[in-house]
Amino acid sequence: MDASSLLAPARGRYDRRSTPEERLRAQRWRLMHAVALAFVEREPSVSRVAALARVGRASFYEFFDDFEHALAIVRSLSIDALDRALDAALIRERAPVAALRSLTQAFLESLQRWPEAALVALASDGEETSPLGRCFERALRRWSASSQSAGLITPQGDSERLLLATGAAEAFARRVALRAAARAPEVVDAGKQLADALLRVLR
């Protein structure tokens, strides 16, 4: 979402066909997009969010307690969307290599749908990996278990290799999300590149 689409409609310019509830939902979405953008811009404040969305600070507080509360919701939405995408990817493909490529493709495509929110969820929270990284690690662990059964990878050093693979995926995902947020050209064959790199770590 670019900055112009964050702006609230000018006074009297609302779509009169929409209900009050629909207008409130739309305003809440605009504010959450503004929160994610303010985080990426490194201006994490209610004032910046209000300026980006062209609303008063009071409008922000109708929906959120403070900036951190809104940021937590953005983070949760990004992780929930990724969880669903990864679950679907694991169901689509059964062969181990194809399943891993499906997983990494779904991972990166999910980030690119709302890259600013992905960058929020990729930020460190004091754990070994980011919240979004842990989401990917859970899916990777499921893939690893099925791939061991198929004989593609061995279980030795499983936890350490999964941590290394998750760290690599996080670093690559951050690059992809930053490029998407900047509206830069996509990384060519990003999903395949990531899958091939993870296979080298996990085998």
C-alpha atoms as a PDB file:
ATOM      1  CA  MET A   1       0.000   0.000   0.000  1.00  0.00           C
ATOM      2  CA  ASP A   2       1.513   3.342  -1.010  1.00  0.00           C
ATOM      3  CA  ALA A   3       1.293   6.490   1.098  1.00  0.00           C
ATOM      4  CA  SER A   4      -1.535   8.040  -0.931  1.00  0.00           C
ATOM      5  CA  SER A   5      -3.817   5.071  -0.288  1.00  0.00           C
ATOM      6  CA  LEU A   6      -3.367   5.504   3.475  1.00  0.00           C
ATOM      7  CA  LEU A   7      -5.146   8.841   3.434  1.00  0.00           C
ATOM      8  CA  ALA A   8      -8.611   9.097   4.889  1.00  0.00           C
ATOM      9  CA  PRO A   9     -11.186  10.463   2.441  1.00  0.00           C
ATOM     10  CA  ALA A  10     -11.612  14.228   2.608  1.00  0.00           C
ATOM     11  CA  ARG A  11     -14.563  15.492   4.610  1.00  0.00           C
ATOM     12  CA  GLY A  12     -17.775  14.710   2.743  1.00  0.00           C
ATOM     13  CA  ARG A  13     -15.992  12.436   0.263  1.00  0.00           C
ATOM     14  CA  TYR A  14     -16.816   9.086   1.880  1.00  0.00           C
ATOM     15  CA  ASP A  15     -18.575   6.489  -0.252  1.00  0.00           C
ATOM     16  CA  ARG A  16     -22.169   7.044   0.818  1.00  0.00           C
ATOM     17  CA  ARG A  17     -23.044   3.497  -0.194  1.00  0.00           C
ATOM     18  CA  SER A  18     -20.888   2.089   2.616  1.00  0.00           C
ATOM     19  CA  THR A  19     -22.302   1.540   6.086  1.00  0.00           C
ATOM     20  CA  PRO A  20     -20.832   3.224   9.200  1.00  0.00           C
ATOM     21  CA  GLU A  21     -19.407  -0.167  10.211  1.00  0.00           C
ATOM     22  CA  GLU A  22     -17.682  -0.559   6.844  1.00  0.00           C
ATOM     23  CA  ARG A  23     -16.199   2.927   7.107  1.00  0.00           C
ATOM     24  CA  LEU A  24     -14.874   2.142  10.586  1.00  0.00           C
ATOM     25  CA  ARG A  25     -13.284  -1.094   9.351  1.00  0.00           C
ATOM     26  CA  ALA A  26     -11.682   0.758   6.443  1.00  0.00           C
ATOM     27  CA  GLN A  27     -10.315   3.421   8.785  1.00  0.00           C
ATOM     28  CA  ARG A  28      -8.900   0.780  11.120  1.00  0.00           C
ATOM     29  CA  TRP A  29      -7.134  -0.890   8.167  1.00  0.00           C
ATOM     30  CA  ARG A  30      -5.707   2.438   7.012  1.00  0.00           C
ATOM     31  CA  LEU A  31      -4.392   3.080  10.491  1.00  0.00           C
ATOM     32  CA  MET A  32      -2.782  -0.371  10.731  1.00  0.00           C
ATOM     33  CA  HIS A  33      -1.072   0.140   7.379  1.00  0.00           C
ATOM     34  CA  ALA A  34       0.127   3.522   8.636  1.00  0.00           C
ATOM     35  CA  VAL A  35       1.440   1.880  11.835  1.00  0.00           C
ATOM     36  CA  ALA A  36       3.453  -0.638   9.801  1.00  0.00           C
ATOM     37  CA  LEU A  37       4.802   2.114   7.547  1.00  0.00           C
ATOM     38  CA  ALA A  38       5.764   4.297  10.520  1.00  0.00           C
ATOM     39  CA  PHE A  39       7.656   1.326  11.986  1.00  0.00           C
ATOM     40  CA  VAL A  40       9.540   0.762   8.716  1.00  0.00           C
ATOM     41  CA  GLU A  41      10.317   4.491   8.505  1.00  0.00           C
ATOM     42  CA  ARG A  42      11.674   4.285  12.087  1.00  0.00           C
ATOM     43  CA  GLU A  43       9.209   6.914  13.259  1.00  0.00           C
ATOM     44  CA  PRO A  44       7.163   4.781  15.667  1.00  0.00           C
ATOM     45  CA  SER A  45       4.733   7.296  17.104  1.00  0.00           C
ATOM     46  CA  VAL A  46       1.018   7.966  17.148  1.00  0.00           C
ATOM     47  CA  SER A  47       1.690  11.414  15.705  1.00  0.00           C
ATOM     48  CA  ARG A  48       3.407   9.931  12.661  1.00  0.00           C
ATOM     49  CA  VAL A  49       0.598   7.398  12.153  1.00  0.00           C
ATOM     50  CA  ALA A  50      -2.008  10.156  12.334  1.00  0.00           C
ATOM     51  CA  ALA A  51      -0.050  12.233   9.813  1.00  0.00           C
ATOM     52  CA  LEU A  52       0.307   9.308   7.408  1.00  0.00           C
ATOM     53  CA  ALA A  53      -3.397   8.476   7.616  1.00  0.00           C
ATOM     54  CA  ARG A  54      -4.458  12.141   7.654  1.00  0.00           C
ATOM     55  CA  VAL A  55      -6.583  11.727  10.758  1.00  0.00           C
ATOM     56  CA  GLY A  56      -6.485  13.189  14.250  1.00  0.00           C
ATOM     57  CA  ARG A  57      -4.758  11.390  17.108  1.00  0.00           C
ATOM     58  CA  ALA A  58      -8.180  10.862  18.680  1.00  0.00           C
ATOM     59  CA  SER A  59      -9.161   8.682  15.708  1.00  0.00           C
ATOM     60  CA  PHE A  60      -6.175   6.433  16.414  1.00  0.00           C
ATOM     61  CA  TYR A  61      -7.188   6.035  20.066  1.00  0.00           C
ATOM     62  CA  GLU A  62     -10.681   4.961  19.060  1.00  0.00           C
ATOM     63  CA  PHE A  63      -9.113   1.679  17.929  1.00  0.00           C
ATOM     64  CA  PHE A  64      -5.828   1.219  19.799  1.00  0.00           C
ATOM     65  CA  ASP A  65      -4.451   1.852  23.296  1.00  0.00           C
ATOM     66  CA  ASP A  66      -1.064   3.049  22.026  1.00  0.00           C
ATOM     67  CA  PHE A  67       1.452   2.486  19.232  1.00  0.00           C
ATOM     68  CA  GLU A  68       2.721  -0.813  20.690  1.00  0.00           C
ATOM     69  CA  HIS A  69      -0.826  -2.173  20.922  1.00  0.00           C
ATOM     70  CA  ALA A  70      -1.433  -1.378  17.239  1.00  0.00           C
ATOM     71  CA  LEU A  71       1.978  -2.804  16.304  1.00  0.00           C
ATOM     72  CA  ALA A  72       1.175  -6.075  18.100  1.00  0.00           C
ATOM     73  CA  ILE A  73      -2.024  -6.397  16.047  1.00  0.00           C
ATOM     74  CA  VAL A  74      -0.123  -5.785  12.796  1.00  0.00           C
ATOM     75  CA  ARG A  75       2.457  -8.407  13.813  1.00  0.00           C
ATOM     76  CA  SER A  76      -0.263 -10.923  14.677  1.00  0.00           C
ATOM     77  CA  LEU A  77      -2.059 -10.385  11.364  1.00  0.00           C
ATOM     78  CA  SER A  78       1.165 -10.950   9.419  1.00  0.00           C
ATOM     79  CA  ILE A  79       1.934 -14.165  11.307  1.00  0.00           C
ATOM     80  CA  ASP A  80      -1.636 -15.485  10.967  1.00  0.00           C
ATOM     81  CA  ALA A  81      -1.578 -14.868   7.201  1.00  0.00           C
ATOM     82  CA  LEU A  82       1.780 -16.628   6.900  1.00  0.00           C
ATOM     83  CA  ASP A  83       0.583 -19.589   8.977  1.00  0.00           C
ATOM     84  CA  ARG A  84      -2.345 -20.125   6.624  1.00  0.00           C
ATOM     85  CA  ALA A  85      -0.158 -19.789   3.525  1.00  0.00           C
ATOM     86  CA  LEU A  86       2.419 -22.283   4.832  1.00  0.00           C
ATOM     87  CA  ASP A  87      -0.238 -24.804   5.870  1.00  0.00           C
ATOM     88  CA  ALA A  88      -1.711 -24.675   2.366  1.00  0.00           C
ATOM     89  CA  ALA A  89       1.741 -25.030   0.784  1.00  0.00           C
ATOM     90  CA  LEU A  90       2.542 -28.171   2.773  1.00  0.00           C
ATOM     91  CA  ILE A  91      -0.750 -29.733   1.711  1.00  0.00           C
ATOM     92  CA  ARG A  92      -0.242 -28.923  -1.993  1.00  0.00           C
ATOM     93  CA  GLU A  93       2.950 -30.937  -2.503  1.00  0.00           C
ATOM     94  CA  ARG A  94       3.983 -34.306  -1.076  1.00  0.00           C
ATOM     95  CA  ALA A  95       7.369 -34.957  -2.721  1.00  0.00           C
ATOM     96  CA  PRO A  96       9.989 -33.488  -0.324  1.00  0.00           C
ATOM     97  CA  VAL A  97      11.883 -31.177  -2.711  1.00  0.00           C
ATOM     98  CA  ALA A  98       8.689 -29.938  -4.380  1.00  0.00           C
ATOM     99  CA  ALA A  99       7.120 -29.427  -0.945  1.00  0.00           C
ATOM    100  CA  LEU A 100      10.081 -27.318   0.230  1.00  0.00           C
ATOM    101  CA  ARG A 101       9.925 -25.157  -2.899  1.00  0.00           C
ATOM    102  CA  SER A 102       6.181 -24.753  -2.404  1.00  0.00           C
ATOM    103  CA  LEU A 103       6.859 -23.757   1.207  1.00  0.00           C
ATOM    104  CA  THR A 104       9.496 -21.134   0.388  1.00  0.00           C
ATOM    105  CA  GLN A 105       7.415 -19.733  -2.474  1.00  0.00           C
ATOM    106  CA  ALA A 106       4.398 -19.365  -0.178  1.00  0.00           C
ATOM    107  CA  PHE A 107       6.633 -17.812   2.491  1.00  0.00           C
ATOM    108  CA  LEU A 108       7.984 -15.114   0.201  1.00  0.00           C
ATOM    109  CA  GLU A 109       4.676 -14.435  -1.571  1.00  0.00           C
ATOM    110  CA  SER A 110       2.981 -13.929   1.804  1.00  0.00           C
ATOM    111  CA  LEU A 111       5.625 -11.373   2.819  1.00  0.00           C
ATOM    112  CA  GLN A 112       5.193  -9.441  -0.414  1.00  0.00           C
ATOM    113  CA  ARG A 113       1.445  -9.000   0.041  1.00  0.00           C
ATOM    114  CA  TRP A 114       2.047  -6.632   2.981  1.00  0.00           C
ATOM    115  CA  PRO A 115       5.809  -6.174   3.240  1.00  0.00           C
ATOM    116  CA  GLU A 116       5.713  -3.460   5.904  1.00  0.00           C
ATOM    117  CA  ALA A 117       3.811  -5.791   8.251  1.00  0.00           C
ATOM    118  CA  ALA A 118       6.244  -8.589   7.437  1.00  0.00           C
ATOM    119  CA  LEU A 119       9.122  -6.319   8.480  1.00  0.00           C
ATOM    120  CA  VAL A 120       7.322  -5.676  11.770  1.00  0.00           C
ATOM    121  CA  ALA A 121       7.083  -9.440  12.378  1.00  0.00           C
ATOM    122  CA  LEU A 122      10.698  -9.983  11.276  1.00  0.00           C
ATOM    123  CA  ALA A 123      11.988  -7.579  13.937  1.00  0.00           C
ATOM    124  CA  SER A 124      13.728  -9.155  16.912  1.00  0.00           C
ATOM    125  CA  ASP A 125      11.761  -9.667  20.117  1.00  0.00           C
ATOM    126  CA  GLY A 126      14.713 -10.915  22.157  1.00  0.00           C
ATOM    127  CA  GLU A 127      14.372 -14.581  21.152  1.00  0.00           C
ATOM    128  CA  GLU A 128      16.776 -16.550  18.936  1.00  0.00           C
ATOM    129  CA  THR A 129      14.568 -15.910  15.916  1.00  0.00           C
ATOM    130  CA  SER A 130      11.900 -13.338  15.101  1.00  0.00           C
ATOM    131  CA  PRO A 131       8.155 -14.010  15.491  1.00  0.00           C
ATOM    132  CA  LEU A 132       7.856 -14.505  11.723  1.00  0.00           C
ATOM    133  CA  GLY A 133      10.964 -16.673  11.719  1.00  0.00           C
ATOM    134  CA  ARG A 134       9.451 -18.938  14.375  1.00  0.00           C
ATOM    135  CA  CYS A 135       6.331 -19.263  12.255  1.00  0.00           C
ATOM    136  CA  PHE A 136       8.436 -20.418   9.314  1.00  0.00           C
ATOM    137  CA  GLU A 137      10.488 -22.688  11.566  1.00  0.00           C
ATOM    138  CA  ARG A 138       7.335 -24.525  12.705  1.00  0.00           C
ATOM    139  CA  ALA A 139       6.412 -25.254   9.090  1.00  0.00           C
ATOM    140  CA  LEU A 140      10.011 -26.203   8.272  1.00  0.00           C
ATOM    141  CA  ARG A 141      10.027 -28.608  11.203  1.00  0.00           C
ATOM    142  CA  ARG A 142       6.927 -30.323   9.826  1.00  0.00           C
ATOM    143  CA  TRP A 143       8.550 -30.557   6.395  1.00  0.00           C
ATOM    144  CA  SER A 144      11.749 -31.909   7.985  1.00  0.00           C
ATOM    145  CA  ALA A 145       9.886 -34.688   9.798  1.00  0.00           C
ATOM    146  CA  SER A 146       8.222 -35.890   6.599  1.00  0.00           C
ATOM    147  CA  SER A 147      11.477 -35.568   4.631  1.00  0.00           C
ATOM    148  CA  GLN A 148      13.334 -37.706   7.169  1.00  0.00           C
ATOM    149  CA  SER A 149      10.680 -40.390   6.711  1.00  0.00           C
ATOM    150  CA  ALA A 150      11.269 -40.193   2.943  1.00  0.00           C
ATOM    151  CA  GLY A 151      15.051 -40.481   3.449  1.00  0.00           C
ATOM    152  CA  LEU A 152      15.905 -37.046   1.988  1.00  0.00           C
ATOM    153  CA  ILE A 153      17.570 -35.726   5.138  1.00  0.00           C
ATOM    154  CA  THR A 154      19.062 -37.301   8.255  1.00  0.00           C
ATOM    155  CA  PRO A 155      18.040 -36.435  11.830  1.00  0.00           C
ATOM    156  CA  GLN A 156      21.573 -35.734  13.147  1.00  0.00           C
ATOM    157  CA  GLY A 157      21.890 -32.203  14.533  1.00  0.00           C
ATOM    158  CA  ASP A 158      18.291 -31.538  13.582  1.00  0.00           C
ATOM    159  CA  SER A 159      17.650 -28.617  15.974  1.00  0.00           C
ATOM    160  CA  GLU A 160      20.883 -26.826  15.103  1.00  0.00           C
ATOM    161  CA  ARG A 161      20.332 -27.206  11.375  1.00  0.00           C
ATOM    162  CA  LEU A 162      16.762 -25.974  11.651  1.00  0.00           C
ATOM    163  CA  LEU A 163      17.975 -22.909  13.555  1.00  0.00           C
ATOM    164  CA  LEU A 164      20.594 -22.219  10.872  1.00  0.00           C
ATOM    165  CA  ALA A 165      18.005 -22.696   8.123  1.00  0.00           C
ATOM    166  CA  THR A 166      15.538 -20.402   9.863  1.00  0.00           C
ATOM    167  CA  GLY A 167      18.199 -17.713  10.259  1.00  0.00           C
ATOM    168  CA  ALA A 168      19.026 -17.938   6.552  1.00  0.00           C
ATOM    169  CA  ALA A 169      15.347 -17.770   5.629  1.00  0.00           C
ATOM    170  CA  GLU A 170      14.859 -14.717   7.861  1.00  0.00           C
ATOM    171  CA  ALA A 171      17.773 -12.855   6.280  1.00  0.00           C
ATOM    172  CA  PHE A 172      16.551 -13.622   2.766  1.00  0.00           C
ATOM    173  CA  ALA A 173      12.953 -12.750   3.692  1.00  0.00           C
ATOM    174  CA  ARG A 174      14.053  -9.401   5.103  1.00  0.00           C
ATOM    175  CA  ARG A 175      15.755  -8.571   1.811  1.00  0.00           C
ATOM    176  CA  VAL A 176      12.659  -9.564  -0.181  1.00  0.00           C
ATOM    177  CA  ALA A 177      10.330  -7.594   2.115  1.00  0.00           C
ATOM    178  CA  LEU A 178      12.525  -4.483   2.020  1.00  0.00           C
ATOM    179  CA  ARG A 179      12.584  -4.575  -1.776  1.00  0.00           C
ATOM    180  CA  ALA A 180       8.816  -5.056  -1.893  1.00  0.00           C
ATOM    181  CA  ALA A 181       8.244  -2.183   0.543  1.00  0.00           C
ATOM    182  CA  ALA A 182      10.436   0.041  -1.642  1.00  0.00           C
ATOM    183  CA  ARG A 183       8.531  -1.139  -4.753  1.00  0.00           C
ATOM    184  CA  ALA A 184      11.841  -2.387  -6.180  1.00  0.00           C
ATOM    185  CA  PRO A 185      11.963  -5.240  -8.750  1.00  0.00           C
ATOM    186  CA  GLU A 186      11.396  -8.684  -7.258  1.00  0.00           C
ATOM    187  CA  VAL A 187      14.295 -11.079  -6.697  1.00  0.00           C
ATOM    188  CA  VAL A 188      14.297 -13.508  -9.647  1.00  0.00           C
ATOM    189  CA  ASP A 189      13.380 -17.103  -8.705  1.00  0.00           C
ATOM    190  CA  ALA A 190      13.461 -16.125  -5.028  1.00  0.00           C
ATOM    191  CA  GLY A 191      11.480 -19.139  -3.823  1.00  0.00           C
ATOM    192  CA  LYS A 192      13.706 -21.619  -5.674  1.00  0.00           C
ATOM    193  CA  GLN A 193      16.875 -19.846  -4.521  1.00  0.00           C
ATOM    194  CA  LEU A 194      15.780 -20.051  -0.902  1.00  0.00           C
ATOM    195  CA  ALA A 195      14.657 -23.681  -1.160  1.00  0.00           C
ATOM    196  CA  ASP A 196      17.972 -24.735  -2.724  1.00  0.00           C
ATOM    197  CA  ALA A 197      19.937 -22.907  -0.002  1.00  0.00           C
ATOM    198  CA  LEU A 198      17.851 -24.539   2.756  1.00  0.00           C
ATOM    199  CA  LEU A 199      18.369 -27.975   1.253  1.00  0.00           C
ATOM    200  CA  ARG A 200      22.134 -27.479   1.433  1.00  0.00           C
ATOM    201  CA  VAL A 201      21.839 -26.616   5.140  1.00  0.00           C
ATOM    202  CA  LEU A 202      19.399 -29.353   6.075  1.00  0.00           C
ATOM    203  CA  ARG A 203      20.771 -32.363   4.201  1.00  0.00           C
END
